[in-house]
Amino acid sequence: MPYREKSIEKLYYSIGETAKMLNVPISTVRFWENEFDILKPLKNKKGNRMFTPTDIKNLKIIHHLLKEEGMTLPGAKKRISGKWEEAEYKYEINESLQKIKTLMLDLRDSIK
């Protein structure tokens, strides 16, 4: 297998970097910040939002619920407010399965 360099994780991400990770506009990240109480990015002296890796993970879960599962905003809020651990657990399982799928596809391609 080819060598893969470990990704470097930063302590804080700008809103632009965060939006690029999620492949959504910056305005969507701002909107989700206002709609979901679980998102509390830090703001520097200039007022720029600085997202921690925990915030990024929470945004990815929200993105998964809204964009991939097709939930409505009220439905996602309800799911998160009542069963956050369940939503987080399902997201982590989905991420693990996606990594396994990528690994299996890489193995298949290397055999050919």
PDB file of N, CA and C in Angstrom:
ATOM      1  N   MET A   1       0.839  -1.172   0.000  1.00  0.00           N
ATOM      2  CA  MET A   1       0.000   0.000   0.000  1.00  0.00           C
ATOM      3  C   MET A   1       0.887   1.240   0.000  1.00  0.00           C
ATOM      4  N   PRO A   2       0.443   2.284  -0.695  1.00  0.00           N
ATOM      5  CA  PRO A   2       1.253   3.496  -0.724  1.00  0.00           C
ATOM      6  C   PRO A   2       1.233   4.200   0.627  1.00  0.00           C
ATOM      7  N   TYR A   3       2.301   4.933   0.858  1.00  0.00           N
ATOM      8  CA  TYR A   3       2.424   5.690   2.102  1.00  0.00           C
ATOM      9  C   TYR A   3       1.459   6.866   2.095  1.00  0.00           C
ATOM     10  N   ARG A   4       0.730   7.028   3.165  1.00  0.00           N
ATOM     11  CA  ARG A   4      -0.177   8.161   3.297  1.00  0.00           C
ATOM     12  C   ARG A   4       0.255   8.986   4.492  1.00  0.00           C
ATOM     13  N   GLU A   5       0.473  10.240   4.227  1.00  0.00           N
ATOM     14  CA  GLU A   5       0.898  11.133   5.285  1.00  0.00           C
ATOM     15  C   GLU A   5      -0.280  11.463   6.189  1.00  0.00           C
ATOM     16  N   LYS A   6      -0.016  11.500   7.473  1.00  0.00           N
ATOM     17  CA  LYS A   6      -1.072  11.820   8.434  1.00  0.00           C
ATOM     18  C   LYS A   6      -1.472  13.282   8.270  1.00  0.00           C
ATOM     19  N   SER A   7      -2.775  13.527   8.249  1.00  0.00           N
ATOM     20  CA  SER A   7      -3.237  14.897   8.084  1.00  0.00           C
ATOM     21  C   SER A   7      -2.967  15.689   9.363  1.00  0.00           C
ATOM     22  N   ILE A   8      -2.561  16.912   9.179  1.00  0.00           N
ATOM     23  CA  ILE A   8      -2.271  17.785  10.306  1.00  0.00           C
ATOM     24  C   ILE A   8      -3.563  18.487  10.700  1.00  0.00           C
ATOM     25  N   GLU A   9      -3.904  18.378  11.964  1.00  0.00           N
ATOM     26  CA  GLU A   9      -5.138  18.986  12.439  1.00  0.00           C
ATOM     27  C   GLU A   9      -4.810  20.283  13.159  1.00  0.00           C
ATOM     28  N   LYS A  10      -5.474  21.331  12.744  1.00  0.00           N
ATOM     29  CA  LYS A  10      -5.261  22.634  13.344  1.00  0.00           C
ATOM     30  C   LYS A  10      -6.132  22.782  14.583  1.00  0.00           C
ATOM     31  N   LEU A  11      -5.790  23.769  15.409  1.00  0.00           N
ATOM     32  CA  LEU A  11      -6.604  24.047  16.592  1.00  0.00           C
ATOM     33  C   LEU A  11      -7.855  24.836  16.231  1.00  0.00           C
ATOM     34  N   TYR A  12      -7.735  25.731  15.240  1.00  0.00           N
ATOM     35  CA  TYR A  12      -8.862  26.562  14.831  1.00  0.00           C
ATOM     36  C   TYR A  12      -8.900  26.670  13.315  1.00  0.00           C
ATOM     37  N   TYR A  13     -10.104  26.680  12.776  1.00  0.00           N
ATOM     38  CA  TYR A  13     -10.321  26.822  11.343  1.00  0.00           C
ATOM     39  C   TYR A  13     -11.174  28.056  11.094  1.00  0.00           C
ATOM     40  N   SER A  14     -10.851  28.784  10.039  1.00  0.00           N
ATOM     41  CA  SER A  14     -11.662  29.949   9.681  1.00  0.00           C
ATOM     42  C   SER A  14     -12.982  29.472   9.076  1.00  0.00           C
ATOM     43  N   ILE A  15     -13.911  30.393   8.933  1.00  0.00           N
ATOM     44  CA  ILE A  15     -15.207  30.022   8.371  1.00  0.00           C
ATOM     45  C   ILE A  15     -15.053  29.617   6.901  1.00  0.00           C
ATOM     46  N   GLY A  16     -14.106  30.229   6.205  1.00  0.00           N
ATOM     47  CA  GLY A  16     -13.859  29.867   4.812  1.00  0.00           C
ATOM     48  C   GLY A  16     -13.335  28.445   4.683  1.00  0.00           C
ATOM     49  N   GLU A  17     -12.387  28.080   5.546  1.00  0.00           N
ATOM     50  CA  GLU A  17     -11.852  26.717   5.539  1.00  0.00           C
ATOM     51  C   GLU A  17     -12.944  25.709   5.901  1.00  0.00           C
ATOM     52  N   THR A  18     -13.763  26.082   6.863  1.00  0.00           N
ATOM     53  CA  THR A  18     -14.846  25.212   7.305  1.00  0.00           C
ATOM     54  C   THR A  18     -15.854  24.983   6.177  1.00  0.00           C
ATOM     55  N   ALA A  19     -16.239  26.056   5.507  1.00  0.00           N
ATOM     56  CA  ALA A  19     -17.188  25.942   4.401  1.00  0.00           C
ATOM     57  C   ALA A  19     -16.612  25.082   3.280  1.00  0.00           C
ATOM     58  N   LYS A  20     -15.316  25.225   3.012  1.00  0.00           N
ATOM     59  CA  LYS A  20     -14.672  24.435   1.960  1.00  0.00           C
ATOM     60  C   LYS A  20     -14.658  22.949   2.324  1.00  0.00           C
ATOM     61  N   MET A  21     -14.418  22.639   3.610  1.00  0.00           N
ATOM     62  CA  MET A  21     -14.433  21.238   4.063  1.00  0.00           C
ATOM     63  C   MET A  21     -15.794  20.593   3.835  1.00  0.00           C
ATOM     64  N   LEU A  22     -16.843  21.368   4.087  1.00  0.00           N
ATOM     65  CA  LEU A  22     -18.208  20.851   3.981  1.00  0.00           C
ATOM     66  C   LEU A  22     -18.786  21.001   2.575  1.00  0.00           C
ATOM     67  N   ASN A  23     -18.068  21.740   1.735  1.00  0.00           N
ATOM     68  CA  ASN A  23     -18.517  21.991   0.365  1.00  0.00           C
ATOM     69  C   ASN A  23     -19.867  22.714   0.343  1.00  0.00           C
ATOM     70  N   VAL A  24     -19.968  23.721   1.198  1.00  0.00           N
ATOM     71  CA  VAL A  24     -21.163  24.563   1.262  1.00  0.00           C
ATOM     72  C   VAL A  24     -20.720  26.026   1.270  1.00  0.00           C
ATOM     73  N   PRO A  25     -21.605  26.951   0.923  1.00  0.00           N
ATOM     74  CA  PRO A  25     -21.249  28.380   1.000  1.00  0.00           C
ATOM     75  C   PRO A  25     -21.041  28.839   2.450  1.00  0.00           C
ATOM     76  N   ILE A  26     -20.277  29.897   2.605  1.00  0.00           N
ATOM     77  CA  ILE A  26     -20.013  30.450   3.936  1.00  0.00           C
ATOM     78  C   ILE A  26     -21.324  30.870   4.599  1.00  0.00           C
ATOM     79  N   SER A  27     -22.244  31.393   3.817  1.00  0.00           N
ATOM     80  CA  SER A  27     -23.521  31.832   4.380  1.00  0.00           C
ATOM     81  C   SER A  27     -24.288  30.672   5.018  1.00  0.00           C
ATOM     82  N   THR A  28     -24.122  29.472   4.460  1.00  0.00           N
ATOM     83  CA  THR A  28     -24.783  28.293   5.033  1.00  0.00           C
ATOM     84  C   THR A  28     -24.214  27.970   6.402  1.00  0.00           C
ATOM     85  N   VAL A  29     -22.898  28.088   6.555  1.00  0.00           N
ATOM     86  CA  VAL A  29     -22.263  27.833   7.856  1.00  0.00           C
ATOM     87  C   VAL A  29     -22.757  28.854   8.877  1.00  0.00           C
ATOM     88  N   ARG A  30     -22.836  30.119   8.470  1.00  0.00           N
ATOM     89  CA  ARG A  30     -23.355  31.159   9.373  1.00  0.00           C
ATOM     90  C   ARG A  30     -24.809  30.873   9.767  1.00  0.00           C
ATOM     91  N   PHE A  31     -25.611  30.456   8.792  1.00  0.00           N
ATOM     92  CA  PHE A  31     -27.018  30.148   9.054  1.00  0.00           C
ATOM     93  C   PHE A  31     -27.135  28.999  10.049  1.00  0.00           C
ATOM     94  N   TRP A  32     -26.361  27.934   9.819  1.00  0.00           N
ATOM     95  CA  TRP A  32     -26.416  26.793  10.732  1.00  0.00           C
ATOM     96  C   TRP A  32     -25.962  27.193  12.132  1.00  0.00           C
ATOM     97  N   GLU A  33     -24.986  28.093  12.220  1.00  0.00           N
ATOM     98  CA  GLU A  33     -24.522  28.555  13.529  1.00  0.00           C
ATOM     99  C   GLU A  33     -25.658  29.234  14.288  1.00  0.00           C
ATOM    100  N   ASN A  34     -26.474  29.998  13.582  1.00  0.00           N
ATOM    101  CA  ASN A  34     -27.603  30.680  14.223  1.00  0.00           C
ATOM    102  C   ASN A  34     -28.744  29.731  14.561  1.00  0.00           C
ATOM    103  N   GLU A  35     -28.903  28.678  13.787  1.00  0.00           N
ATOM    104  CA  GLU A  35     -30.031  27.757  13.969  1.00  0.00           C
ATOM    105  C   GLU A  35     -29.776  26.677  15.018  1.00  0.00           C
ATOM    106  N   PHE A  36     -28.541  26.236  15.152  1.00  0.00           N
ATOM    107  CA  PHE A  36     -28.229  25.109  16.047  1.00  0.00           C
ATOM    108  C   PHE A  36     -27.428  25.602  17.251  1.00  0.00           C
ATOM    109  N   ASP A  37     -27.972  25.357  18.434  1.00  0.00           N
ATOM    110  CA  ASP A  37     -27.337  25.819  19.672  1.00  0.00           C
ATOM    111  C   ASP A  37     -26.022  25.109  19.961  1.00  0.00           C
ATOM    112  N   ILE A  38     -25.831  23.947  19.379  1.00  0.00           N
ATOM    113  CA  ILE A  38     -24.625  23.171  19.655  1.00  0.00           C
ATOM    114  C   ILE A  38     -23.380  23.816  19.039  1.00  0.00           C
ATOM    115  N   LEU A  39     -23.567  24.695  18.071  1.00  0.00           N
ATOM    116  CA  LEU A  39     -22.447  25.367  17.411  1.00  0.00           C
ATOM    117  C   LEU A  39     -22.135  26.676  18.115  1.00  0.00           C
ATOM    118  N   LYS A  40     -20.973  26.744  18.692  1.00  0.00           N
ATOM    119  CA  LYS A  40     -20.531  27.949  19.389  1.00  0.00           C
ATOM    120  C   LYS A  40     -19.081  28.247  19.007  1.00  0.00           C
ATOM    121  N   PRO A  41     -18.829  28.723  17.780  1.00  0.00           N
ATOM    122  CA  PRO A  41     -17.444  29.014  17.413  1.00  0.00           C
ATOM    123  C   PRO A  41     -16.916  30.213  18.201  1.00  0.00           C
ATOM    124  N   LEU A  42     -15.622  30.202  18.430  1.00  0.00           N
ATOM    125  CA  LEU A  42     -14.984  31.328  19.093  1.00  0.00           C
ATOM    126  C   LEU A  42     -14.885  32.479  18.104  1.00  0.00           C
ATOM    127  N   LYS A  43     -14.819  33.679  18.621  1.00  0.00           N
ATOM    128  CA  LYS A  43     -14.621  34.844  17.757  1.00  0.00           C
ATOM    129  C   LYS A  43     -13.404  35.613  18.268  1.00  0.00           C
ATOM    130  N   ASN A  44     -12.542  36.015  17.327  1.00  0.00           N
ATOM    131  CA  ASN A  44     -11.367  36.780  17.731  1.00  0.00           C
ATOM    132  C   ASN A  44     -11.729  38.253  17.909  1.00  0.00           C
ATOM    133  N   LYS A  45     -10.728  39.096  18.152  1.00  0.00           N
ATOM    134  CA  LYS A  45     -10.992  40.516  18.412  1.00  0.00           C
ATOM    135  C   LYS A  45     -11.660  41.202  17.231  1.00  0.00           C
ATOM    136  N   LYS A  46     -11.389  40.720  16.021  1.00  0.00           N
ATOM    137  CA  LYS A  46     -11.997  41.304  14.829  1.00  0.00           C
ATOM    138  C   LYS A  46     -13.419  40.797  14.610  1.00  0.00           C
ATOM    139  N   GLY A  47     -13.800  39.745  15.319  1.00  0.00           N
ATOM    140  CA  GLY A  47     -15.129  39.174  15.158  1.00  0.00           C
ATOM    141  C   GLY A  47     -15.174  38.004  14.191  1.00  0.00           C
ATOM    142  N   ASN A  48     -14.001  37.570  13.728  1.00  0.00           N
ATOM    143  CA  ASN A  48     -13.946  36.417  12.823  1.00  0.00           C
ATOM    144  C   ASN A  48     -14.222  35.128  13.589  1.00  0.00           C
ATOM    145  N   ARG A  49     -15.025  34.275  12.988  1.00  0.00           N
ATOM    146  CA  ARG A  49     -15.354  33.000  13.622  1.00  0.00           C
ATOM    147  C   ARG A  49     -14.172  32.043  13.495  1.00  0.00           C
ATOM    148  N   MET A  50     -13.879  31.353  14.594  1.00  0.00           N
ATOM    149  CA  MET A  50     -12.805  30.370  14.613  1.00  0.00           C
ATOM    150  C   MET A  50     -13.403  29.053  15.116  1.00  0.00           C
ATOM    151  N   PHE A  51     -13.466  28.067  14.230  1.00  0.00           N
ATOM    152  CA  PHE A  51     -14.094  26.791  14.544  1.00  0.00           C
ATOM    153  C   PHE A  51     -13.065  25.787  15.041  1.00  0.00           C
ATOM    154  N   THR A  52     -13.390  25.111  16.136  1.00  0.00           N
ATOM    155  CA  THR A  52     -12.527  24.065  16.676  1.00  0.00           C
ATOM    156  C   THR A  52     -12.833  22.749  15.964  1.00  0.00           C
ATOM    157  N   PRO A  53     -11.968  21.737  16.100  1.00  0.00           N
ATOM    158  CA  PRO A  53     -12.283  20.430  15.506  1.00  0.00           C
ATOM    159  C   PRO A  53     -13.618  19.860  15.991  1.00  0.00           C
ATOM    160  N   THR A  54     -14.001  20.149  17.229  1.00  0.00           N
ATOM    161  CA  THR A  54     -15.303  19.701  17.740  1.00  0.00           C
ATOM    162  C   THR A  54     -16.436  20.386  16.986  1.00  0.00           C
ATOM    163  N   ASP A  55     -16.274  21.684  16.736  1.00  0.00           N
ATOM    164  CA  ASP A  55     -17.281  22.410  15.953  1.00  0.00           C
ATOM    165  C   ASP A  55     -17.379  21.826  14.546  1.00  0.00           C
ATOM    166  N   ILE A  56     -16.241  21.488  13.965  1.00  0.00           N
ATOM    167  CA  ILE A  56     -16.215  20.910  12.614  1.00  0.00           C
ATOM    168  C   ILE A  56     -16.973  19.585  12.606  1.00  0.00           C
ATOM    169  N   LYS A  57     -16.732  18.763  13.631  1.00  0.00           N
ATOM    170  CA  LYS A  57     -17.418  17.474  13.716  1.00  0.00           C
ATOM    171  C   LYS A  57     -18.930  17.686  13.840  1.00  0.00           C
ATOM    172  N   ASN A  58     -19.339  18.634  14.683  1.00  0.00           N
ATOM    173  CA  ASN A  58     -20.765  18.923  14.840  1.00  0.00           C
ATOM    174  C   ASN A  58     -21.361  19.435  13.534  1.00  0.00           C
ATOM    175  N   LEU A  59     -20.635  20.266  12.814  1.00  0.00           N
ATOM    176  CA  LEU A  59     -21.111  20.755  11.523  1.00  0.00           C
ATOM    177  C   LEU A  59     -21.241  19.618  10.515  1.00  0.00           C
ATOM    178  N   LYS A  60     -20.303  18.678  10.563  1.00  0.00           N
ATOM    179  CA  LYS A  60     -20.377  17.528   9.648  1.00  0.00           C
ATOM    180  C   LYS A  60     -21.610  16.679   9.955  1.00  0.00           C
ATOM    181  N   ILE A  61     -21.932  16.534  11.221  1.00  0.00           N
ATOM    182  CA  ILE A  61     -23.136  15.776  11.598  1.00  0.00           C
ATOM    183  C   ILE A  61     -24.384  16.507  11.101  1.00  0.00           C
ATOM    184  N   ILE A  62     -24.431  17.817  11.300  1.00  0.00           N
ATOM    185  CA  ILE A  62     -25.566  18.602  10.814  1.00  0.00           C
ATOM    186  C   ILE A  62     -25.659  18.507   9.299  1.00  0.00           C
ATOM    187  N   HIS A  63     -24.530  18.614   8.631  1.00  0.00           N
ATOM    188  CA  HIS A  63     -24.502  18.500   7.162  1.00  0.00           C
ATOM    189  C   HIS A  63     -25.023  17.138   6.729  1.00  0.00           C
ATOM    190  N   HIS A  64     -24.611  16.099   7.432  1.00  0.00           N
ATOM    191  CA  HIS A  64     -25.056  14.738   7.102  1.00  0.00           C
ATOM    192  C   HIS A  64     -26.575  14.621   7.244  1.00  0.00           C
ATOM    193  N   LEU A  65     -27.096  15.144   8.336  1.00  0.00           N
ATOM    194  CA  LEU A  65     -28.544  15.055   8.565  1.00  0.00           C
ATOM    195  C   LEU A  65     -29.330  15.827   7.506  1.00  0.00           C
ATOM    196  N   LEU A  66     -28.872  17.026   7.183  1.00  0.00           N
ATOM    197  CA  LEU A  66     -29.622  17.880   6.265  1.00  0.00           C
ATOM    198  C   LEU A  66     -29.426  17.505   4.803  1.00  0.00           C
ATOM    199  N   LYS A  67     -28.196  17.277   4.412  1.00  0.00           N
ATOM    200  CA  LYS A  67     -27.894  17.093   2.989  1.00  0.00           C
ATOM    201  C   LYS A  67     -27.934  15.636   2.546  1.00  0.00           C
ATOM    202  N   GLU A  68     -27.432  14.734   3.371  1.00  0.00           N
ATOM    203  CA  GLU A  68     -27.350  13.334   2.957  1.00  0.00           C
ATOM    204  C   GLU A  68     -28.597  12.537   3.337  1.00  0.00           C
ATOM    205  N   GLU A  69     -29.126  12.792   4.539  1.00  0.00           N
ATOM    206  CA  GLU A  69     -30.341  12.084   4.944  1.00  0.00           C
ATOM    207  C   GLU A  69     -31.595  12.809   4.488  1.00  0.00           C
ATOM    208  N   GLY A  70     -31.450  14.054   4.048  1.00  0.00           N
ATOM    209  CA  GLY A  70     -32.579  14.806   3.518  1.00  0.00           C
ATOM    210  C   GLY A  70     -33.572  15.286   4.565  1.00  0.00           C
ATOM    211  N   MET A  71     -33.114  15.463   5.787  1.00  0.00           N
ATOM    212  CA  MET A  71     -34.008  15.921   6.846  1.00  0.00           C
ATOM    213  C   MET A  71     -34.285  17.413   6.675  1.00  0.00           C
ATOM    214  N   THR A  72     -35.418  17.844   7.197  1.00  0.00           N
ATOM    215  CA  THR A  72     -35.726  19.269   7.221  1.00  0.00           C
ATOM    216  C   THR A  72     -35.000  19.900   8.406  1.00  0.00           C
ATOM    217  N   LEU A  73     -34.945  21.211   8.416  1.00  0.00           N
ATOM    218  CA  LEU A  73     -34.293  21.912   9.514  1.00  0.00           C
ATOM    219  C   LEU A  73     -34.950  21.606  10.857  1.00  0.00           C
ATOM    220  N   PRO A  74     -36.297  21.685  10.957  1.00  0.00           N
ATOM    221  CA  PRO A  74     -36.924  21.322  12.242  1.00  0.00           C
ATOM    222  C   PRO A  74     -36.677  19.855  12.618  1.00  0.00           C
ATOM    223  N   GLY A  75     -36.658  18.975  11.628  1.00  0.00           N
ATOM    224  CA  GLY A  75     -36.406  17.563  11.905  1.00  0.00           C
ATOM    225  C   GLY A  75     -35.009  17.335  12.437  1.00  0.00           C
ATOM    226  N   ALA A  76     -34.028  18.018  11.842  1.00  0.00           N
ATOM    227  CA  ALA A  76     -32.641  17.891  12.302  1.00  0.00           C
ATOM    228  C   ALA A  76     -32.493  18.462  13.717  1.00  0.00           C
ATOM    229  N   LYS A  77     -33.162  19.595  13.969  1.00  0.00           N
ATOM    230  CA  LYS A  77     -33.107  20.183  15.315  1.00  0.00           C
ATOM    231  C   LYS A  77     -33.694  19.227  16.351  1.00  0.00           C
ATOM    232  N   LYS A  78     -34.805  18.600  15.981  1.00  0.00           N
ATOM    233  CA  LYS A  78     -35.455  17.662  16.892  1.00  0.00           C
ATOM    234  C   LYS A  78     -34.555  16.455  17.157  1.00  0.00           C
ATOM    235  N   ARG A  79     -33.935  15.929  16.105  1.00  0.00           N
ATOM    236  CA  ARG A  79     -33.044  14.771  16.248  1.00  0.00           C
ATOM    237  C   ARG A  79     -31.855  15.113  17.138  1.00  0.00           C
ATOM    238  N   ILE A  80     -31.300  16.291  16.926  1.00  0.00           N
ATOM    239  CA  ILE A  80     -30.123  16.695  17.697  1.00  0.00           C
ATOM    240  C   ILE A  80     -30.486  16.991  19.145  1.00  0.00           C
ATOM    241  N   SER A  81     -31.606  17.651  19.365  1.00  0.00           N
ATOM    242  CA  SER A  81     -31.963  18.028  20.738  1.00  0.00           C
ATOM    243  C   SER A  81     -32.298  16.808  21.589  1.00  0.00           C
ATOM    244  N   GLY A  82     -32.965  15.835  21.013  1.00  0.00           N
ATOM    245  CA  GLY A  82     -33.378  14.682  21.801  1.00  0.00           C
ATOM    246  C   GLY A  82     -32.363  13.566  21.859  1.00  0.00           C
ATOM    247  N   LYS A  83     -31.697  13.333  20.739  1.00  0.00           N
ATOM    248  CA  LYS A  83     -30.825  12.161  20.656  1.00  0.00           C
ATOM    249  C   LYS A  83     -29.496  12.519  20.008  1.00  0.00           C
ATOM    250  N   TRP A  84     -28.765  13.457  20.595  1.00  0.00           N
ATOM    251  CA  TRP A  84     -27.494  13.882  20.012  1.00  0.00           C
ATOM    252  C   TRP A  84     -26.504  12.725  19.962  1.00  0.00           C
ATOM    253  N   GLU A  85     -26.431  11.932  21.023  1.00  0.00           N
ATOM    254  CA  GLU A  85     -25.479  10.826  21.055  1.00  0.00           C
ATOM    255  C   GLU A  85     -25.776   9.828  19.941  1.00  0.00           C
ATOM    256  N   GLU A  86     -27.066   9.589  19.698  1.00  0.00           N
ATOM    257  CA  GLU A  86     -27.455   8.660  18.633  1.00  0.00           C
ATOM    258  C   GLU A  86     -27.072   9.211  17.262  1.00  0.00           C
ATOM    259  N   ALA A  87     -27.310  10.488  17.039  1.00  0.00           N
ATOM    260  CA  ALA A  87     -26.953  11.106  15.761  1.00  0.00           C
ATOM    261  C   ALA A  87     -25.444  11.080  15.557  1.00  0.00           C
ATOM    262  N   GLU A  88     -24.704  11.355  16.612  1.00  0.00           N
ATOM    263  CA  GLU A  88     -23.244  11.333  16.538  1.00  0.00           C
ATOM    264  C   GLU A  88     -22.736   9.920  16.269  1.00  0.00           C
ATOM    265  N   TYR A  89     -23.326   8.940  16.930  1.00  0.00           N
ATOM    266  CA  TYR A  89     -22.938   7.550  16.754  1.00  0.00           C
ATOM    267  C   TYR A  89     -23.198   7.087  15.317  1.00  0.00           C
ATOM    268  N   LYS A  90     -24.367   7.414  14.785  1.00  0.00           N
ATOM    269  CA  LYS A  90     -24.689   7.023  13.412  1.00  0.00           C
ATOM    270  C   LYS A  90     -23.759   7.697  12.415  1.00  0.00           C
ATOM    271  N   TYR A  91     -23.404   8.950  12.679  1.00  0.00           N
ATOM    272  CA  TYR A  91     -22.484   9.657  11.799  1.00  0.00           C
ATOM    273  C   TYR A  91     -21.112   8.976  11.809  1.00  0.00           C
ATOM    274  N   GLU A  92     -20.627   8.615  12.998  1.00  0.00           N
ATOM    275  CA  GLU A  92     -19.321   7.960  13.101  1.00  0.00           C
ATOM    276  C   GLU A  92     -19.325   6.616  12.391  1.00  0.00           C
ATOM    277  N   ILE A  93     -20.407   5.859  12.490  1.00  0.00           N
ATOM    278  CA  ILE A  93     -20.522   4.592  11.772  1.00  0.00           C
ATOM    279  C   ILE A  93     -20.477   4.837  10.272  1.00  0.00           C
ATOM    280  N   ASN A  94     -21.207   5.838   9.808  1.00  0.00           N
ATOM    281  CA  ASN A  94     -21.215   6.168   8.391  1.00  0.00           C
ATOM    282  C   ASN A  94     -19.815   6.545   7.903  1.00  0.00           C
ATOM    283  N   GLU A  95     -19.096   7.352   8.690  1.00  0.00           N
ATOM    284  CA  GLU A  95     -17.735   7.746   8.326  1.00  0.00           C
ATOM    285  C   GLU A  95     -16.813   6.523   8.264  1.00  0.00           C
ATOM    286  N   SER A  96     -16.940   5.614   9.231  1.00  0.00           N
ATOM    287  CA  SER A  96     -16.118   4.402   9.233  1.00  0.00           C
ATOM    288  C   SER A  96     -16.402   3.548   8.008  1.00  0.00           C
ATOM    289  N   LEU A  97     -17.662   3.404   7.665  1.00  0.00           N
ATOM    290  CA  LEU A  97     -18.025   2.619   6.488  1.00  0.00           C
ATOM    291  C   LEU A  97     -17.509   3.259   5.207  1.00  0.00           C
ATOM    292  N   GLN A  98     -17.538   4.581   5.136  1.00  0.00           N
ATOM    293  CA  GLN A  98     -17.003   5.262   3.958  1.00  0.00           C
ATOM    294  C   GLN A  98     -15.498   5.036   3.826  1.00  0.00           C
ATOM    295  N   LYS A  99     -14.770   5.047   4.947  1.00  0.00           N
ATOM    296  CA  LYS A  99     -13.331   4.789   4.918  1.00  0.00           C
ATOM    297  C   LYS A  99     -13.052   3.362   4.477  1.00  0.00           C
ATOM    298  N   ILE A 100     -13.836   2.414   4.977  1.00  0.00           N
ATOM    299  CA  ILE A 100     -13.670   1.016   4.586  1.00  0.00           C
ATOM    300  C   ILE A 100     -13.946   0.852   3.095  1.00  0.00           C
ATOM    301  N   LYS A 101     -14.984   1.509   2.613  1.00  0.00           N
ATOM    302  CA  LYS A 101     -15.313   1.443   1.188  1.00  0.00           C
ATOM    303  C   LYS A 101     -14.167   1.979   0.343  1.00  0.00           C
ATOM    304  N   THR A 102     -13.603   3.102   0.749  1.00  0.00           N
ATOM    305  CA  THR A 102     -12.479   3.688   0.018  1.00  0.00           C
ATOM    306  C   THR A 102     -11.290   2.736   0.026  1.00  0.00           C
ATOM    307  N   LEU A 103     -11.011   2.140   1.171  1.00  0.00           N
ATOM    308  CA  LEU A 103      -9.909   1.187   1.273  1.00  0.00           C
ATOM    309  C   LEU A 103     -10.136  -0.012   0.367  1.00  0.00           C
ATOM    310  N   MET A 104     -11.342  -0.538   0.371  1.00  0.00           N
ATOM    311  CA  MET A 104     -11.651  -1.695  -0.469  1.00  0.00           C
ATOM    312  C   MET A 104     -11.540  -1.345  -1.958  1.00  0.00           C
ATOM    313  N   LEU A 105     -11.991  -0.174  -2.337  1.00  0.00           N
ATOM    314  CA  LEU A 105     -11.875   0.247  -3.733  1.00  0.00           C
ATOM    315  C   LEU A 105     -10.412   0.436  -4.133  1.00  0.00           C
ATOM    316  N   ASP A 106      -9.599   0.964  -3.222  1.00  0.00           N
ATOM    317  CA  ASP A 106      -8.169   1.111  -3.486  1.00  0.00           C
ATOM    318  C   ASP A 106      -7.512  -0.253  -3.668  1.00  0.00           C
ATOM    319  N   LEU A 107      -7.904  -1.206  -2.808  1.00  0.00           N
ATOM    320  CA  LEU A 107      -7.359  -2.566  -2.928  1.00  0.00           C
ATOM    321  C   LEU A 107      -7.768  -3.198  -4.259  1.00  0.00           C
ATOM    322  N   ARG A 108      -9.016  -3.011  -4.629  1.00  0.00           N
ATOM    323  CA  ARG A 108      -9.486  -3.569  -5.893  1.00  0.00           C
ATOM    324  C   ARG A 108      -8.720  -2.973  -7.070  1.00  0.00           C
ATOM    325  N   ASP A 109      -8.518  -1.682  -7.030  1.00  0.00           N
ATOM    326  CA  ASP A 109      -7.810  -1.016  -8.115  1.00  0.00           C
ATOM    327  C   ASP A 109      -6.331  -1.407  -8.184  1.00  0.00           C
ATOM    328  N   SER A 110      -5.734  -1.689  -7.020  1.00  0.00           N
ATOM    329  CA  SER A 110      -4.322  -2.069  -7.016  1.00  0.00           C
ATOM    330  C   SER A 110      -4.132  -3.505  -7.520  1.00  0.00           C
ATOM    331  N   ILE A 111      -5.153  -4.327  -7.425  1.00  0.00           N
ATOM    332  CA  ILE A 111      -5.075  -5.717  -7.899  1.00  0.00           C
ATOM    333  C   ILE A 111      -5.123  -5.757  -9.434  1.00  0.00           C
ATOM    334  N   LYS A 112      -5.869  -4.882 -10.018  1.00  0.00           N
ATOM    335  CA  LYS A 112      -6.029  -4.877 -11.477  1.00  0.00           C
ATOM    336  C   LYS A 112      -4.763  -4.621 -12.203  1.00  0.00           C
TER     337      LYS A 112
END
